[in-house]
Amino acid sequence: MKLVCAGTNELVVGLHVIGMGADEMLQGFGIALKMGATKADFDSCVAIHPTAAEEFVTMFPWGLGSENQVSGAKVSPLNGNAAPEPVLGV
């Protein structure tokens, strides 16, 4: 499993998973990506246990996140808004 994030706001731009149930996981998480979810959004989810999908919301961060992380899911491109862009570091 891999969660692909971009920018200082750690916008989730992709995720990879292989194995049983991967198709069901990708369908659900695809909605989160379309809505502009950030790593902080994934971290704030309560994991459903025992499932393989819980790994996506309990992943340990590889780097240090910004203290100013903002949830991208507050504005949904599914409602006609523009898709969020990753915030690039200075």
Protein backbone atom coordinates (compact mmCIF):
# COMPACT_ATOMS: atom_id res chain seq x y z
CA MET A 1 0.00 0.00 0.00
CA LYS A 2 1.19 3.49 -0.79
CA LEU A 3 -0.34 6.93 -0.29
CA VAL A 4 1.08 9.53 -2.70
CA CYS A 5 1.04 13.13 -1.39
CA ALA A 6 2.21 16.41 -2.95
CA GLY A 7 3.01 19.87 -1.63
CA THR A 8 3.33 21.24 1.86
CA ASN A 9 -0.38 20.67 2.44
CA GLU A 10 0.20 16.98 1.61
CA LEU A 11 -2.63 16.81 -0.93
CA VAL A 12 -3.31 13.16 -1.69
CA VAL A 13 -2.77 12.75 -5.44
CA GLY A 14 -2.78 8.97 -5.65
CA LEU A 15 -2.77 5.69 -3.84
CA HIS A 16 -1.63 2.22 -4.72
CA VAL A 17 -2.85 -1.10 -3.38
CA ILE A 18 -2.72 -4.68 -4.60
CA GLY A 19 -4.38 -7.77 -3.21
CA MET A 20 -7.80 -9.03 -2.29
CA GLY A 21 -10.37 -6.27 -1.96
CA ALA A 22 -8.16 -3.68 -3.68
CA ASP A 23 -10.94 -2.77 -6.12
CA GLU A 24 -13.36 -1.94 -3.31
CA MET A 25 -10.78 0.11 -1.42
CA LEU A 26 -9.79 2.13 -4.49
CA GLN A 27 -13.41 2.95 -5.30
CA GLY A 28 -14.02 4.45 -1.85
CA PHE A 29 -10.73 6.29 -1.59
CA GLY A 30 -11.16 7.60 -5.16
CA ILE A 31 -13.99 9.79 -3.87
CA ALA A 32 -11.68 11.25 -1.22
CA LEU A 33 -9.10 12.09 -3.90
CA LYS A 34 -11.72 13.82 -6.07
CA MET A 35 -12.78 15.88 -3.05
CA GLY A 36 -9.21 17.09 -2.43
CA ALA A 37 -8.37 15.06 0.66
CA THR A 38 -5.06 15.71 2.41
CA LYS A 39 -2.92 13.38 4.52
CA ALA A 40 -4.37 15.20 7.55
CA ASP A 41 -7.88 14.18 6.39
CA PHE A 42 -6.81 10.54 6.15
CA ASP A 43 -5.14 10.77 9.57
CA SER A 44 -8.32 12.15 11.15
CA CYS A 45 -10.43 9.15 10.05
CA VAL A 46 -11.36 6.41 12.49
CA ALA A 47 -10.02 3.11 11.15
CA ILE A 48 -12.47 0.27 10.63
CA HIS A 49 -10.88 -2.76 12.30
CA PRO A 50 -10.18 -5.45 11.21
CA THR A 51 -9.86 -4.44 7.56
CA ALA A 52 -7.01 -3.95 5.12
CA ALA A 53 -8.35 -0.47 4.30
CA GLU A 54 -7.54 0.74 7.83
CA GLU A 55 -3.89 0.87 6.81
CA PHE A 56 -4.54 3.94 4.63
CA VAL A 57 -5.80 5.99 7.59
CA THR A 58 -3.18 4.78 10.07
CA MET A 59 -0.05 5.18 7.92
CA PHE A 60 2.94 6.60 9.73
CA PRO A 61 4.24 9.77 8.00
CA TRP A 62 7.50 9.47 6.09
CA GLY A 63 8.42 13.12 6.59
CA LEU A 64 7.44 15.87 8.94
CA GLY A 65 4.08 17.41 8.11
CA SER A 66 3.37 21.12 8.20
CA GLU A 67 1.67 22.57 11.27
CA ASN A 68 -0.57 24.51 8.86
CA GLN A 69 -2.18 21.51 7.19
CA VAL A 70 -5.64 22.34 5.90
CA SER A 71 -8.38 19.88 5.04
CA GLY A 72 -8.99 19.93 1.31
CA ALA A 73 -12.25 18.05 1.71
CA LYS A 74 -14.12 21.18 2.84
CA VAL A 75 -14.55 22.25 -0.80
CA SER A 76 -15.58 19.49 -3.17
CA PRO A 77 -14.86 19.58 -6.91
CA LEU A 78 -17.84 17.23 -7.16
CA ASN A 79 -20.00 20.29 -6.42
CA GLY A 80 -18.63 22.26 -9.36
CA ASN A 81 -15.61 23.80 -7.63
CA ALA A 82 -12.12 23.71 -9.08
CA ALA A 83 -9.91 20.81 -8.00
CA PRO A 84 -7.39 21.78 -5.31
CA GLU A 85 -3.72 22.09 -6.19
CA PRO A 86 -0.79 21.06 -3.99
CA VAL A 87 0.80 23.96 -2.13
CA LEU A 88 4.47 24.07 -3.09
CA GLY A 89 7.11 24.82 -0.47
CA VAL A 90 8.98 28.09 -0.39
